Amino acid sequence: MSRMYSVVFDNTTVSAAQDLFEITPADDKPIAIHALFLSQSSEVGDNQEEFLRVEIIRGHTVGGSGGDTPTPIPLGPIDTAAGFAAEANNTTIATVGTPVILHAESFNERSGLQLIFTPETRPYCSQGQTTILHVQRTAPGDALSMDGTLYVEEFP
């Protein structure tokens, strides 16, 4: 039976284009992204509004660096630890491989991003594709204090 996990970063300064989330599946344990939430708490004025470009990419073989390694939290209270590895806010973006963009959009930094995939549109990744990333392609005009949550399903 598959298990659900959340990967979270909280009150993190974001000032560059970066890998907001990087997930590397474990051997023989593919993953699917169910939902993504991003918000910021540092800018509230209309004159500071901007749109940030984001993408979900699968297939990089060299991971990013310079960020954190949050522990995936099981949503079920008796579930085991995740097999996949998680990174957040890598300021050096992942490279190499055969990357494909699975989802691209822009969002208003003031209103945040709430992205919930239907079962048919969930991005999947296995160890064979190496990583799945949520990348912020646009650097904000000035530093933001951001929060983010990624909901990941891991298959046995």
C-alpha atoms as a PDB file:
ATOM      1  CA  MET A   1       0.000   0.000   0.000  1.00  0.00           C
ATOM      2  CA  SER A   2       1.279   3.467  -0.822  1.00  0.00           C
ATOM      3  CA  ARG A   3       1.993   6.086   1.834  1.00  0.00           C
ATOM      4  CA  MET A   4       1.537   9.877   1.889  1.00  0.00           C
ATOM      5  CA  TYR A   5       4.127  12.377   3.143  1.00  0.00           C
ATOM      6  CA  SER A   6       4.465  16.113   3.450  1.00  0.00           C
ATOM      7  CA  VAL A   7       7.714  17.954   2.790  1.00  0.00           C
ATOM      8  CA  VAL A   8       7.766  21.440   4.299  1.00  0.00           C
ATOM      9  CA  PHE A   9       9.913  24.547   4.390  1.00  0.00           C
ATOM     10  CA  ASP A  10       8.906  27.384   6.673  1.00  0.00           C
ATOM     11  CA  ASN A  11       9.780  31.095   6.825  1.00  0.00           C
ATOM     12  CA  THR A  12      12.671  30.695   4.380  1.00  0.00           C
ATOM     13  CA  THR A  13      14.276  33.637   2.605  1.00  0.00           C
ATOM     14  CA  VAL A  14      14.016  33.251  -1.167  1.00  0.00           C
ATOM     15  CA  SER A  15      15.917  35.793  -3.248  1.00  0.00           C
ATOM     16  CA  ALA A  16      16.981  33.853  -6.360  1.00  0.00           C
ATOM     17  CA  ALA A  17      15.692  31.424  -8.946  1.00  0.00           C
ATOM     18  CA  GLN A  18      16.074  28.050  -7.238  1.00  0.00           C
ATOM     19  CA  ASP A  19      14.836  24.497  -6.732  1.00  0.00           C
ATOM     20  CA  LEU A  20      12.086  24.985  -4.161  1.00  0.00           C
ATOM     21  CA  PHE A  21      11.652  21.209  -3.821  1.00  0.00           C
ATOM     22  CA  GLU A  22      13.776  18.333  -5.130  1.00  0.00           C
ATOM     23  CA  ILE A  23      12.580  14.755  -4.619  1.00  0.00           C
ATOM     24  CA  THR A  24      14.762  11.737  -5.428  1.00  0.00           C
ATOM     25  CA  PRO A  25      12.810   8.458  -5.381  1.00  0.00           C
ATOM     26  CA  ALA A  26      14.236   5.384  -3.659  1.00  0.00           C
ATOM     27  CA  ASP A  27      15.032   2.211  -5.594  1.00  0.00           C
ATOM     28  CA  ASP A  28      11.796   0.495  -6.709  1.00  0.00           C
ATOM     29  CA  LYS A  29       9.647   3.081  -4.894  1.00  0.00           C
ATOM     30  CA  PRO A  30       8.180   5.539  -7.429  1.00  0.00           C
ATOM     31  CA  ILE A  31       6.515   8.702  -6.184  1.00  0.00           C
ATOM     32  CA  ALA A  32       3.647  10.951  -7.281  1.00  0.00           C
ATOM     33  CA  ILE A  33       3.087  14.602  -6.433  1.00  0.00           C
ATOM     34  CA  HIS A  34      -0.431  15.207  -5.124  1.00  0.00           C
ATOM     35  CA  ALA A  35      -0.349  18.880  -4.184  1.00  0.00           C
ATOM     36  CA  LEU A  36       1.886  21.922  -3.807  1.00  0.00           C
ATOM     37  CA  PHE A  37       1.312  25.045  -1.743  1.00  0.00           C
ATOM     38  CA  LEU A  38       3.504  28.169  -1.758  1.00  0.00           C
ATOM     39  CA  SER A  39       2.995  31.428   0.088  1.00  0.00           C
ATOM     40  CA  GLN A  40       4.953  34.419   1.295  1.00  0.00           C
ATOM     41  CA  SER A  41       4.543  36.660   4.321  1.00  0.00           C
ATOM     42  CA  SER A  42       6.908  39.554   3.698  1.00  0.00           C
ATOM     43  CA  GLU A  43       5.261  41.693   1.005  1.00  0.00           C
ATOM     44  CA  VAL A  44       1.749  43.064   1.281  1.00  0.00           C
ATOM     45  CA  GLY A  45       1.755  46.255  -0.824  1.00  0.00           C
ATOM     46  CA  ASP A  46       0.184  46.349  -4.302  1.00  0.00           C
ATOM     47  CA  ASN A  47       3.170  48.234  -5.689  1.00  0.00           C
ATOM     48  CA  GLN A  48       5.385  45.249  -4.838  1.00  0.00           C
ATOM     49  CA  GLU A  49       3.302  42.648  -6.640  1.00  0.00           C
ATOM     50  CA  GLU A  50       5.064  40.444  -9.137  1.00  0.00           C
ATOM     51  CA  PHE A  51       4.472  37.147 -10.872  1.00  0.00           C
ATOM     52  CA  LEU A  52       6.916  34.282 -10.399  1.00  0.00           C
ATOM     53  CA  ARG A  53       7.422  31.533 -12.998  1.00  0.00           C
ATOM     54  CA  VAL A  54       7.472  27.961 -11.684  1.00  0.00           C
ATOM     55  CA  GLU A  55       7.925  24.546 -13.285  1.00  0.00           C
ATOM     56  CA  ILE A  56       7.747  20.909 -12.307  1.00  0.00           C
ATOM     57  CA  ILE A  57      10.592  19.084 -14.059  1.00  0.00           C
ATOM     58  CA  ARG A  58      11.517  15.401 -14.160  1.00  0.00           C
ATOM     59  CA  GLY A  59      14.818  13.869 -15.254  1.00  0.00           C
ATOM     60  CA  HIS A  60      17.814  15.829 -13.984  1.00  0.00           C
ATOM     61  CA  THR A  61      20.716  13.555 -13.005  1.00  0.00           C
ATOM     62  CA  VAL A  62      22.796  16.037 -10.992  1.00  0.00           C
ATOM     63  CA  GLY A  63      20.899  17.421  -8.017  1.00  0.00           C
ATOM     64  CA  GLY A  64      20.996  20.992  -6.806  1.00  0.00           C
ATOM     65  CA  SER A  65      22.817  22.227  -3.733  1.00  0.00           C
ATOM     66  CA  GLY A  66      22.910  25.020  -1.213  1.00  0.00           C
ATOM     67  CA  GLY A  67      19.562  24.348   0.429  1.00  0.00           C
ATOM     68  CA  ASP A  68      18.072  22.281   3.228  1.00  0.00           C
ATOM     69  CA  THR A  69      17.195  18.604   3.623  1.00  0.00           C
ATOM     70  CA  PRO A  70      13.777  18.558   5.296  1.00  0.00           C
ATOM     71  CA  THR A  71      12.576  15.234   6.658  1.00  0.00           C
ATOM     72  CA  PRO A  72       9.441  13.986   4.863  1.00  0.00           C
ATOM     73  CA  ILE A  73       6.686  13.616   7.473  1.00  0.00           C
ATOM     74  CA  PRO A  74       4.295  10.655   7.164  1.00  0.00           C
ATOM     75  CA  LEU A  75       0.665  11.798   7.148  1.00  0.00           C
ATOM     76  CA  GLY A  76      -0.419   8.517   8.767  1.00  0.00           C
ATOM     77  CA  PRO A  77       0.626   8.452  12.437  1.00  0.00           C
ATOM     78  CA  ILE A  78       1.935   4.870  12.257  1.00  0.00           C
ATOM     79  CA  ASP A  79       3.494   5.003   8.778  1.00  0.00           C
ATOM     80  CA  THR A  80       7.199   4.372   8.319  1.00  0.00           C
ATOM     81  CA  ALA A  81       9.821   6.877   7.246  1.00  0.00           C
ATOM     82  CA  ALA A  82       9.920   7.819   3.575  1.00  0.00           C
ATOM     83  CA  GLY A  83      12.328   6.048   1.257  1.00  0.00           C
ATOM     84  CA  PHE A  84      12.742   9.088  -1.011  1.00  0.00           C
ATOM     85  CA  ALA A  85      15.178  11.917  -0.338  1.00  0.00           C
ATOM     86  CA  ALA A  86      13.948  15.499  -0.149  1.00  0.00           C
ATOM     87  CA  GLU A  87      15.737  18.806  -0.544  1.00  0.00           C
ATOM     88  CA  ALA A  88      14.343  22.324  -0.390  1.00  0.00           C
ATOM     89  CA  ASN A  89      15.516  25.721  -1.584  1.00  0.00           C
ATOM     90  CA  ASN A  90      18.640  24.666  -3.430  1.00  0.00           C
ATOM     91  CA  THR A  91      20.195  27.875  -4.711  1.00  0.00           C
ATOM     92  CA  THR A  92      22.293  25.921  -7.220  1.00  0.00           C
ATOM     93  CA  ILE A  93      19.719  24.422  -9.562  1.00  0.00           C
ATOM     94  CA  ALA A  94      19.803  20.757 -10.668  1.00  0.00           C
ATOM     95  CA  THR A  95      21.383  20.092 -14.062  1.00  0.00           C
ATOM     96  CA  VAL A  96      22.340  17.441 -16.637  1.00  0.00           C
ATOM     97  CA  GLY A  97      20.228  14.479 -17.728  1.00  0.00           C
ATOM     98  CA  THR A  98      17.172  14.557 -19.955  1.00  0.00           C
ATOM     99  CA  PRO A  99      14.831  16.952 -18.190  1.00  0.00           C
ATOM    100  CA  VAL A 100      11.211  17.338 -19.272  1.00  0.00           C
ATOM    101  CA  ILE A 101       8.831  20.034 -18.073  1.00  0.00           C
ATOM    102  CA  LEU A 102       5.654  18.424 -16.749  1.00  0.00           C
ATOM    103  CA  HIS A 103       3.942  21.612 -15.569  1.00  0.00           C
ATOM    104  CA  ALA A 104       4.634  25.325 -16.011  1.00  0.00           C
ATOM    105  CA  GLU A 105       2.803  28.409 -14.802  1.00  0.00           C
ATOM    106  CA  SER A 106       3.214  31.767 -13.130  1.00  0.00           C
ATOM    107  CA  PHE A 107       1.652  32.858  -9.870  1.00  0.00           C
ATOM    108  CA  ASN A 108       1.111  36.134  -8.080  1.00  0.00           C
ATOM    109  CA  GLU A 109       3.450  36.251  -5.098  1.00  0.00           C
ATOM    110  CA  ARG A 110       0.813  37.980  -2.966  1.00  0.00           C
ATOM    111  CA  SER A 111      -1.854  35.338  -3.487  1.00  0.00           C
ATOM    112  CA  GLY A 112       0.473  32.329  -3.420  1.00  0.00           C
ATOM    113  CA  LEU A 113       0.095  29.058  -5.284  1.00  0.00           C
ATOM    114  CA  GLN A 114      -2.294  26.252  -4.436  1.00  0.00           C
ATOM    115  CA  LEU A 115      -1.836  23.407  -6.882  1.00  0.00           C
ATOM    116  CA  ILE A 116      -3.828  20.195  -6.333  1.00  0.00           C
ATOM    117  CA  PHE A 117      -3.461  17.573  -9.048  1.00  0.00           C
ATOM    118  CA  THR A 118      -6.288  15.274 -10.073  1.00  0.00           C
ATOM    119  CA  PRO A 119      -5.378  11.564 -10.110  1.00  0.00           C
ATOM    120  CA  GLU A 120      -4.960  11.631 -13.901  1.00  0.00           C
ATOM    121  CA  THR A 121      -2.577  14.608 -13.904  1.00  0.00           C
ATOM    122  CA  ARG A 122      -0.260  13.821 -10.976  1.00  0.00           C
ATOM    123  CA  PRO A 123       3.413  14.067 -11.899  1.00  0.00           C
ATOM    124  CA  TYR A 124       5.123  10.694 -11.346  1.00  0.00           C
ATOM    125  CA  CYS A 125       8.792   9.857 -11.028  1.00  0.00           C
ATOM    126  CA  SER A 126      10.768   6.667 -10.497  1.00  0.00           C
ATOM    127  CA  GLN A 127      14.418   6.082  -9.766  1.00  0.00           C
ATOM    128  CA  GLY A 128      14.945   5.671 -13.520  1.00  0.00           C
ATOM    129  CA  GLN A 129      14.036   9.326 -14.085  1.00  0.00           C
ATOM    130  CA  THR A 130      16.311  10.318 -11.172  1.00  0.00           C
ATOM    131  CA  THR A 131      14.555  13.403  -9.729  1.00  0.00           C
ATOM    132  CA  ILE A 132      11.421  15.466  -9.815  1.00  0.00           C
ATOM    133  CA  LEU A 133      11.742  19.146  -9.035  1.00  0.00           C
ATOM    134  CA  HIS A 134       9.579  22.111  -8.353  1.00  0.00           C
ATOM    135  CA  VAL A 135      11.673  24.983  -9.650  1.00  0.00           C
ATOM    136  CA  GLN A 136      11.152  28.696  -9.283  1.00  0.00           C
ATOM    137  CA  ARG A 137      12.494  30.022 -12.589  1.00  0.00           C
ATOM    138  CA  THR A 138      12.066  33.708 -11.766  1.00  0.00           C
ATOM    139  CA  ALA A 139      14.052  35.492  -9.081  1.00  0.00           C
ATOM    140  CA  PRO A 140      11.835  37.769  -6.995  1.00  0.00           C
ATOM    141  CA  GLY A 141      12.521  41.491  -7.264  1.00  0.00           C
ATOM    142  CA  ASP A 142      13.581  41.431  -3.631  1.00  0.00           C
ATOM    143  CA  ALA A 143      13.888  38.757  -0.949  1.00  0.00           C
ATOM    144  CA  LEU A 144      10.687  37.023   0.164  1.00  0.00           C
ATOM    145  CA  SER A 145       9.941  35.083   3.340  1.00  0.00           C
ATOM    146  CA  MET A 146       8.302  31.982   1.897  1.00  0.00           C
ATOM    147  CA  ASP A 147       6.572  28.842   3.137  1.00  0.00           C
ATOM    148  CA  GLY A 148       5.971  25.721   1.092  1.00  0.00           C
ATOM    149  CA  THR A 149       4.383  22.294   1.441  1.00  0.00           C
ATOM    150  CA  LEU A 150       4.623  19.435  -1.047  1.00  0.00           C
ATOM    151  CA  TYR A 151       2.418  16.343  -0.668  1.00  0.00           C
ATOM    152  CA  VAL A 152       4.105  13.206  -2.018  1.00  0.00           C
ATOM    153  CA  GLU A 153       2.790   9.659  -2.389  1.00  0.00           C
ATOM    154  CA  GLU A 154       5.382   6.864  -2.266  1.00  0.00           C
ATOM    155  CA  PHE A 155       4.514   3.502  -3.786  1.00  0.00           C
ATOM    156  CA  PRO A 156       5.847   0.198  -2.381  1.00  0.00           C
END
